[in-house]
Amino acid sequence: MKKVGIVVAMDEEFEAVEKKMKNIQTKQIYNLIFTIGKIGKKECILVKSGVGKVHSARTTQVMVDKFDLEYIVNVGSAGSVNDMLQIGDVIIGKEVVQHDFDITAFGHSKGYITGVGNSIKCDKKLVEKIKETVENGPERQYQIKLGVVATGDIFCEDIAMKNKIRAKFDADVVDMECGAIAQVAYLNGIPFIVIRSVSDTPDGKNANTFDQNLKLASKRCANLLEDFLGVFGDRP
């Protein structure tokens, strides 16, 4: 039976999703621990990649190679580059870019990746299902919206960088893994979606803000993931 692959980067994100799982088993492949179980009626595989694009790409490819996946979900925290977003708000990715990928010297736009393009679109059917989940779900005291996720191997603290990423890519949040996970999924022909919650806003001191809000952001992502898989877990 095909399974939903769930990739997170950090312990707090892992723990928030693991709490939603039942009938848990684990399997070690290389140094990665894959947690296998159910969320709702949906068979899932959860794995913690570690921080950054190389860790997340390598982990995602191992998951693709070793398991039969229906689709991949990236869940976790993010920094807001959209001033309309508040701590704890949730972004459902409509597309993903890599803001630090630069071959502009050869006439391409910033973020353009050979063989991939300027961005990777998240799977339309899955995005529509998440939107339906939100619309039919409980009222929440925070915002959930579609947006653009911008990935780079940088924990963004600089306000000028934040503003450049927002202006160049019309991005809503920044992270350090999503673009790499999306690229691996795209290259393997596997549908991909992302759920990210705001933990901080680049302001020169947001490392502290990130630490303070990581558990909150992780919990809100896990709650939406549970709603999504619970509502749609028994559908083709």
C-alpha atoms as a PDB file:
ATOM      1  CA  MET A   1       0.000   0.000   0.000  1.00  0.00           C
ATOM      2  CA  LYS A   2       1.274   3.438  -0.894  1.00  0.00           C
ATOM      3  CA  LYS A   3       2.158   5.699   2.016  1.00  0.00           C
ATOM      4  CA  VAL A   4       2.303   9.418   2.665  1.00  0.00           C
ATOM      5  CA  GLY A   5       5.897  10.520   3.216  1.00  0.00           C
ATOM      6  CA  ILE A   6       6.285  13.281   5.818  1.00  0.00           C
ATOM      7  CA  VAL A   7       9.634  15.073   6.040  1.00  0.00           C
ATOM      8  CA  VAL A   8      10.555  17.432   8.885  1.00  0.00           C
ATOM      9  CA  ALA A   9      13.880  18.968   9.853  1.00  0.00           C
ATOM     10  CA  MET A  10      13.926  19.308  13.637  1.00  0.00           C
ATOM     11  CA  ASP A  11      13.040  17.408  16.826  1.00  0.00           C
ATOM     12  CA  GLU A  12      10.152  19.704  17.755  1.00  0.00           C
ATOM     13  CA  GLU A  13       8.563  19.316  14.326  1.00  0.00           C
ATOM     14  CA  PHE A  14       9.041  15.539  14.484  1.00  0.00           C
ATOM     15  CA  GLU A  15       7.507  15.226  17.945  1.00  0.00           C
ATOM     16  CA  ALA A  16       4.426  17.267  17.004  1.00  0.00           C
ATOM     17  CA  VAL A  17       3.645  14.961  14.066  1.00  0.00           C
ATOM     18  CA  GLU A  18       4.593  11.749  15.870  1.00  0.00           C
ATOM     19  CA  LYS A  19       1.984  12.527  18.546  1.00  0.00           C
ATOM     20  CA  LYS A  20      -0.675  12.282  15.830  1.00  0.00           C
ATOM     21  CA  MET A  21       0.425   8.776  14.766  1.00  0.00           C
ATOM     22  CA  LYS A  22      -0.772   5.370  15.953  1.00  0.00           C
ATOM     23  CA  ASN A  23       0.391   1.764  15.398  1.00  0.00           C
ATOM     24  CA  ILE A  24       3.961   3.007  15.231  1.00  0.00           C
ATOM     25  CA  GLN A  25       6.919   0.971  14.040  1.00  0.00           C
ATOM     26  CA  THR A  26      10.404   2.165  13.174  1.00  0.00           C
ATOM     27  CA  LYS A  27      12.894   1.214  10.511  1.00  0.00           C
ATOM     28  CA  GLN A  28      16.515   2.373  10.322  1.00  0.00           C
ATOM     29  CA  ILE A  29      18.063   2.919   6.903  1.00  0.00           C
ATOM     30  CA  TYR A  30      21.642   4.195   7.007  1.00  0.00           C
ATOM     31  CA  ASN A  31      21.513   6.639   9.932  1.00  0.00           C
ATOM     32  CA  LEU A  32      17.901   7.677   9.311  1.00  0.00           C
ATOM     33  CA  ILE A  33      15.015   6.511  11.493  1.00  0.00           C
ATOM     34  CA  PHE A  34      11.733   6.155   9.594  1.00  0.00           C
ATOM     35  CA  THR A  35       8.642   6.116  11.798  1.00  0.00           C
ATOM     36  CA  ILE A  36       5.830   4.145  10.167  1.00  0.00           C
ATOM     37  CA  GLY A  37       2.223   4.346  11.343  1.00  0.00           C
ATOM     38  CA  LYS A  38      -1.199   5.842  10.702  1.00  0.00           C
ATOM     39  CA  ILE A  39      -2.675   9.319  10.963  1.00  0.00           C
ATOM     40  CA  GLY A  40      -6.412   8.847  10.701  1.00  0.00           C
ATOM     41  CA  LYS A  41      -6.788   5.985   8.234  1.00  0.00           C
ATOM     42  CA  LYS A  42      -3.780   7.023   6.183  1.00  0.00           C
ATOM     43  CA  GLU A  43      -0.563   5.012   6.189  1.00  0.00           C
ATOM     44  CA  CYS A  44       2.323   7.429   6.797  1.00  0.00           C
ATOM     45  CA  ILE A  45       6.101   7.481   7.056  1.00  0.00           C
ATOM     46  CA  LEU A  46       7.678  10.245   9.130  1.00  0.00           C
ATOM     47  CA  VAL A  47      11.381  11.104   9.042  1.00  0.00           C
ATOM     48  CA  LYS A  48      13.589  13.850  10.465  1.00  0.00           C
ATOM     49  CA  SER A  49      16.129  15.007   7.906  1.00  0.00           C
ATOM     50  CA  GLY A  50      18.172  17.568   9.777  1.00  0.00           C
ATOM     51  CA  VAL A  51      18.509  21.222   8.816  1.00  0.00           C
ATOM     52  CA  GLY A  52      19.414  22.440   5.339  1.00  0.00           C
ATOM     53  CA  LYS A  53      19.018  21.516   1.695  1.00  0.00           C
ATOM     54  CA  VAL A  54      21.560  18.676   1.463  1.00  0.00           C
ATOM     55  CA  HIS A  55      20.224  16.863   4.531  1.00  0.00           C
ATOM     56  CA  SER A  56      16.644  17.187   3.355  1.00  0.00           C
ATOM     57  CA  ALA A  57      17.348  16.215  -0.265  1.00  0.00           C
ATOM     58  CA  ARG A  58      19.344  13.151   0.753  1.00  0.00           C
ATOM     59  CA  THR A  59      16.662  12.053   3.245  1.00  0.00           C
ATOM     60  CA  THR A  60      13.861  12.523   0.732  1.00  0.00           C
ATOM     61  CA  GLN A  61      15.675  10.488  -1.921  1.00  0.00           C
ATOM     62  CA  VAL A  62      16.284   7.644   0.527  1.00  0.00           C
ATOM     63  CA  MET A  63      12.571   7.681   1.374  1.00  0.00           C
ATOM     64  CA  VAL A  64      11.664   7.614  -2.322  1.00  0.00           C
ATOM     65  CA  ASP A  65      14.058   4.733  -2.980  1.00  0.00           C
ATOM     66  CA  LYS A  66      12.968   2.558  -0.049  1.00  0.00           C
ATOM     67  CA  PHE A  67       9.206   3.127   0.222  1.00  0.00           C
ATOM     68  CA  ASP A  68       6.186   3.201  -2.098  1.00  0.00           C
ATOM     69  CA  LEU A  69       4.960   6.780  -1.744  1.00  0.00           C
ATOM     70  CA  GLU A  70       1.629   8.285  -2.733  1.00  0.00           C
ATOM     71  CA  TYR A  71       2.876  11.816  -2.116  1.00  0.00           C
ATOM     72  CA  ILE A  72       5.298  13.782   0.055  1.00  0.00           C
ATOM     73  CA  VAL A  73       4.458  16.436   2.642  1.00  0.00           C
ATOM     74  CA  ASN A  74       6.996  18.839   4.107  1.00  0.00           C
ATOM     75  CA  VAL A  75       5.936  20.174   7.505  1.00  0.00           C
ATOM     76  CA  GLY A  76       7.661  22.701   9.721  1.00  0.00           C
ATOM     77  CA  SER A  77       8.406  26.201  10.871  1.00  0.00           C
ATOM     78  CA  ALA A  78       9.298  29.194   8.715  1.00  0.00           C
ATOM     79  CA  GLY A  79      10.308  32.836   8.885  1.00  0.00           C
ATOM     80  CA  SER A  80       7.816  35.377   7.583  1.00  0.00           C
ATOM     81  CA  VAL A  81       8.891  37.784   4.841  1.00  0.00           C
ATOM     82  CA  ASN A  82       5.311  38.972   4.347  1.00  0.00           C
ATOM     83  CA  ASP A  83       4.462  41.698   6.858  1.00  0.00           C
ATOM     84  CA  MET A  84       0.815  40.611   6.840  1.00  0.00           C
ATOM     85  CA  LEU A  85       1.716  37.310   8.516  1.00  0.00           C
ATOM     86  CA  GLN A  86       1.867  36.909  12.284  1.00  0.00           C
ATOM     87  CA  ILE A  87       3.545  34.350  14.552  1.00  0.00           C
ATOM     88  CA  GLY A  88       1.647  31.081  14.296  1.00  0.00           C
ATOM     89  CA  ASP A  89      -0.022  31.805  10.961  1.00  0.00           C
ATOM     90  CA  VAL A  90       0.139  28.910   8.499  1.00  0.00           C
ATOM     91  CA  ILE A  91       1.186  28.932   4.853  1.00  0.00           C
ATOM     92  CA  ILE A  92       0.071  26.203   2.470  1.00  0.00           C
ATOM     93  CA  GLY A  93       2.606  26.349  -0.331  1.00  0.00           C
ATOM     94  CA  LYS A  94       1.314  26.930  -3.826  1.00  0.00           C
ATOM     95  CA  GLU A  95       4.860  27.008  -5.178  1.00  0.00           C
ATOM     96  CA  VAL A  96       8.412  26.740  -3.905  1.00  0.00           C
ATOM     97  CA  VAL A  97      11.557  28.612  -4.962  1.00  0.00           C
ATOM     98  CA  GLN A  98      15.231  28.433  -3.984  1.00  0.00           C
ATOM     99  CA  HIS A  99      16.238  32.017  -3.300  1.00  0.00           C
ATOM    100  CA  ASP A 100      19.969  31.237  -3.025  1.00  0.00           C
ATOM    101  CA  PHE A 101      20.277  29.404  -6.358  1.00  0.00           C
ATOM    102  CA  ASP A 102      22.057  31.814  -8.701  1.00  0.00           C
ATOM    103  CA  ILE A 103      23.181  31.224 -12.287  1.00  0.00           C
ATOM    104  CA  THR A 104      22.280  34.732 -13.406  1.00  0.00           C
ATOM    105  CA  ALA A 105      25.752  34.970 -14.967  1.00  0.00           C
ATOM    106  CA  PHE A 106      24.381  32.775 -17.766  1.00  0.00           C
ATOM    107  CA  GLY A 107      21.308  34.882 -18.436  1.00  0.00           C
ATOM    108  CA  HIS A 108      18.868  33.093 -16.169  1.00  0.00           C
ATOM    109  CA  SER A 109      16.725  34.742 -13.522  1.00  0.00           C
ATOM    110  CA  LYS A 110      17.619  34.379  -9.844  1.00  0.00           C
ATOM    111  CA  GLY A 111      16.334  31.067  -8.521  1.00  0.00           C
ATOM    112  CA  TYR A 112      16.220  29.376 -11.923  1.00  0.00           C
ATOM    113  CA  ILE A 113      17.386  25.733 -11.688  1.00  0.00           C
ATOM    114  CA  THR A 114      18.507  23.845 -14.781  1.00  0.00           C
ATOM    115  CA  GLY A 115      16.046  21.084 -15.618  1.00  0.00           C
ATOM    116  CA  VAL A 116      13.530  22.408 -13.104  1.00  0.00           C
ATOM    117  CA  GLY A 117      12.734  26.041 -13.872  1.00  0.00           C
ATOM    118  CA  ASN A 118      12.070  29.137 -11.813  1.00  0.00           C
ATOM    119  CA  SER A 119       9.873  27.395  -9.247  1.00  0.00           C
ATOM    120  CA  ILE A 120       8.188  24.115  -8.407  1.00  0.00           C
ATOM    121  CA  LYS A 121       4.415  24.119  -8.189  1.00  0.00           C
ATOM    122  CA  CYS A 122       2.865  22.156  -5.367  1.00  0.00           C
ATOM    123  CA  ASP A 123       0.374  19.485  -6.434  1.00  0.00           C
ATOM    124  CA  LYS A 124      -2.884  21.231  -7.361  1.00  0.00           C
ATOM    125  CA  LYS A 125      -5.208  18.434  -6.257  1.00  0.00           C
ATOM    126  CA  LEU A 126      -3.571  18.163  -2.848  1.00  0.00           C
ATOM    127  CA  VAL A 127      -3.582  21.937  -2.385  1.00  0.00           C
ATOM    128  CA  GLU A 128      -7.299  22.006  -3.209  1.00  0.00           C
ATOM    129  CA  LYS A 129      -7.908  19.239  -0.675  1.00  0.00           C
ATOM    130  CA  ILE A 130      -6.069  21.177   2.029  1.00  0.00           C
ATOM    131  CA  LYS A 131      -8.099  24.290   1.169  1.00  0.00           C
ATOM    132  CA  GLU A 132     -11.283  22.227   1.486  1.00  0.00           C
ATOM    133  CA  THR A 133     -10.062  20.875   4.817  1.00  0.00           C
ATOM    134  CA  VAL A 134      -9.536  24.418   6.107  1.00  0.00           C
ATOM    135  CA  GLU A 135     -12.875  25.656   4.795  1.00  0.00           C
ATOM    136  CA  ASN A 136     -14.783  22.745   6.357  1.00  0.00           C
ATOM    137  CA  GLY A 137     -12.710  22.559   9.518  1.00  0.00           C
ATOM    138  CA  PRO A 138     -12.956  24.270  12.898  1.00  0.00           C
ATOM    139  CA  GLU A 139     -12.643  28.034  13.239  1.00  0.00           C
ATOM    140  CA  ARG A 140      -9.080  28.994  14.073  1.00  0.00           C
ATOM    141  CA  GLN A 141      -7.670  32.081  15.757  1.00  0.00           C
ATOM    142  CA  TYR A 142      -4.888  32.407  13.216  1.00  0.00           C
ATOM    143  CA  GLN A 143      -4.546  32.844   9.462  1.00  0.00           C
ATOM    144  CA  ILE A 144      -4.128  29.979   7.001  1.00  0.00           C
ATOM    145  CA  LYS A 145      -3.345  31.047   3.441  1.00  0.00           C
ATOM    146  CA  LEU A 146      -1.799  29.916   0.182  1.00  0.00           C
ATOM    147  CA  GLY A 147       1.628  31.339  -0.460  1.00  0.00           C
ATOM    148  CA  VAL A 148       5.134  31.057  -1.841  1.00  0.00           C
ATOM    149  CA  VAL A 149       7.864  29.329   0.172  1.00  0.00           C
ATOM    150  CA  ALA A 150      11.446  30.475  -0.487  1.00  0.00           C
ATOM    151  CA  THR A 151      14.249  28.104   0.534  1.00  0.00           C
ATOM    152  CA  GLY A 152      17.936  28.794   1.102  1.00  0.00           C
ATOM    153  CA  ASP A 153      20.818  27.457   3.161  1.00  0.00           C
ATOM    154  CA  ILE A 154      20.653  30.572   5.326  1.00  0.00           C
ATOM    155  CA  PHE A 155      18.799  31.277   8.558  1.00  0.00           C
ATOM    156  CA  CYS A 156      17.568  34.675   7.456  1.00  0.00           C
ATOM    157  CA  GLU A 157      18.041  37.405  10.075  1.00  0.00           C
ATOM    158  CA  ASP A 158      18.826  40.359   7.824  1.00  0.00           C
ATOM    159  CA  ILE A 159      15.940  42.751   7.135  1.00  0.00           C
ATOM    160  CA  ALA A 160      17.395  43.813   3.777  1.00  0.00           C
ATOM    161  CA  MET A 161      17.645  40.155   2.691  1.00  0.00           C
ATOM    162  CA  LYS A 162      14.082  39.558   3.839  1.00  0.00           C
ATOM    163  CA  ASN A 163      12.845  42.465   1.740  1.00  0.00           C
ATOM    164  CA  LYS A 164      14.816  41.321  -1.324  1.00  0.00           C
ATOM    165  CA  ILE A 165      13.387  37.801  -1.117  1.00  0.00           C
ATOM    166  CA  ARG A 166       9.886  39.190  -0.750  1.00  0.00           C
ATOM    167  CA  ALA A 167      10.298  41.557  -3.698  1.00  0.00           C
ATOM    168  CA  LYS A 168      12.089  39.139  -6.035  1.00  0.00           C
ATOM    169  CA  PHE A 169       9.967  36.034  -5.499  1.00  0.00           C
ATOM    170  CA  ASP A 170       6.715  37.435  -4.039  1.00  0.00           C
ATOM    171  CA  ALA A 171       7.514  35.054  -1.194  1.00  0.00           C
ATOM    172  CA  ASP A 172       5.557  34.729   2.020  1.00  0.00           C
ATOM    173  CA  VAL A 173       7.935  32.667   4.150  1.00  0.00           C
ATOM    174  CA  VAL A 174      11.540  31.455   4.126  1.00  0.00           C
ATOM    175  CA  ASP A 175      12.927  28.126   5.254  1.00  0.00           C
ATOM    176  CA  MET A 176      15.983  25.903   4.761  1.00  0.00           C
ATOM    177  CA  GLU A 177      14.589  22.612   3.414  1.00  0.00           C
ATOM    178  CA  CYS A 178      11.380  22.848   1.422  1.00  0.00           C
ATOM    179  CA  GLY A 179      12.882  23.729  -1.962  1.00  0.00           C
ATOM    180  CA  ALA A 180      15.220  20.741  -1.878  1.00  0.00           C
ATOM    181  CA  ILE A 181      12.470  18.327  -0.852  1.00  0.00           C
ATOM    182  CA  ALA A 182      10.222  19.710  -3.589  1.00  0.00           C
ATOM    183  CA  GLN A 183      13.006  19.342  -6.171  1.00  0.00           C
ATOM    184  CA  VAL A 184      13.625  15.688  -5.277  1.00  0.00           C
ATOM    185  CA  ALA A 185       9.878  14.974  -5.394  1.00  0.00           C
ATOM    186  CA  TYR A 186       9.588  16.736  -8.757  1.00  0.00           C
ATOM    187  CA  LEU A 187      12.521  14.866 -10.286  1.00  0.00           C
ATOM    188  CA  ASN A 188      11.031  11.552  -9.116  1.00  0.00           C
ATOM    189  CA  GLY A 189       7.531  12.386 -10.350  1.00  0.00           C
ATOM    190  CA  ILE A 190       5.948  12.266  -6.893  1.00  0.00           C
ATOM    191  CA  PRO A 191       3.256  14.800  -5.855  1.00  0.00           C
ATOM    192  CA  PHE A 192       4.411  17.267  -3.207  1.00  0.00           C
ATOM    193  CA  ILE A 193       2.805  19.704  -0.763  1.00  0.00           C
ATOM    194  CA  VAL A 194       4.100  21.847   2.075  1.00  0.00           C
ATOM    195  CA  ILE A 195       2.617  23.163   5.319  1.00  0.00           C
ATOM    196  CA  ARG A 196       4.681  25.776   7.152  1.00  0.00           C
ATOM    197  CA  SER A 197       3.847  27.874  10.211  1.00  0.00           C
ATOM    198  CA  VAL A 198       5.480  31.190  11.102  1.00  0.00           C
ATOM    199  CA  SER A 199       7.930  30.990  14.001  1.00  0.00           C
ATOM    200  CA  ASP A 200       9.749  34.293  13.463  1.00  0.00           C
ATOM    201  CA  THR A 201      10.315  37.318  11.239  1.00  0.00           C
ATOM    202  CA  PRO A 202      13.818  38.387  10.149  1.00  0.00           C
ATOM    203  CA  ASP A 203      14.660  41.443  12.230  1.00  0.00           C
ATOM    204  CA  GLY A 204      18.274  40.957  13.317  1.00  0.00           C
ATOM    205  CA  LYS A 205      17.362  39.105  16.503  1.00  0.00           C
ATOM    206  CA  ASN A 206      14.846  36.518  15.359  1.00  0.00           C
ATOM    207  CA  ALA A 207      16.939  33.509  16.355  1.00  0.00           C
ATOM    208  CA  ASN A 208      15.515  34.036  19.854  1.00  0.00           C
ATOM    209  CA  THR A 209      12.005  34.470  18.488  1.00  0.00           C
ATOM    210  CA  PHE A 210      12.410  31.246  16.526  1.00  0.00           C
ATOM    211  CA  ASP A 211      13.400  29.323  19.654  1.00  0.00           C
ATOM    212  CA  GLN A 212      10.431  30.722  21.567  1.00  0.00           C
ATOM    213  CA  ASN A 213       7.858  29.837  18.913  1.00  0.00           C
ATOM    214  CA  LEU A 214       9.162  26.628  17.315  1.00  0.00           C
ATOM    215  CA  LYS A 215       6.864  24.348  19.332  1.00  0.00           C
ATOM    216  CA  LEU A 216       3.816  26.510  18.583  1.00  0.00           C
ATOM    217  CA  ALA A 217       4.556  26.526  14.851  1.00  0.00           C
ATOM    218  CA  SER A 218       5.201  22.771  14.865  1.00  0.00           C
ATOM    219  CA  LYS A 219       1.931  22.049  16.673  1.00  0.00           C
ATOM    220  CA  ARG A 220      -0.141  24.126  14.273  1.00  0.00           C
ATOM    221  CA  CYS A 221       1.354  22.405  11.244  1.00  0.00           C
ATOM    222  CA  ALA A 222       0.743  18.986  12.800  1.00  0.00           C
ATOM    223  CA  ASN A 223      -2.866  19.888  13.627  1.00  0.00           C
ATOM    224  CA  LEU A 224      -3.601  20.899  10.039  1.00  0.00           C
ATOM    225  CA  LEU A 225      -1.825  17.804   8.725  1.00  0.00           C
ATOM    226  CA  GLU A 226      -3.958  15.611  11.012  1.00  0.00           C
ATOM    227  CA  ASP A 227      -7.147  17.321   9.847  1.00  0.00           C
ATOM    228  CA  PHE A 228      -6.111  16.858   6.223  1.00  0.00           C
ATOM    229  CA  LEU A 229      -5.186  13.195   6.538  1.00  0.00           C
ATOM    230  CA  GLY A 230      -8.179  12.460   8.770  1.00  0.00           C
ATOM    231  CA  VAL A 231     -10.683  13.976   6.361  1.00  0.00           C
ATOM    232  CA  PHE A 232      -9.108  12.625   3.191  1.00  0.00           C
ATOM    233  CA  GLY A 233      -7.228   9.607   4.487  1.00  0.00           C
ATOM    234  CA  ASP A 234      -9.692   7.066   3.133  1.00  0.00           C
ATOM    235  CA  ARG A 235     -10.077   8.645  -0.293  1.00  0.00           C
ATOM    236  CA  PRO A 236      -8.149   7.703  -3.443  1.00  0.00           C
END
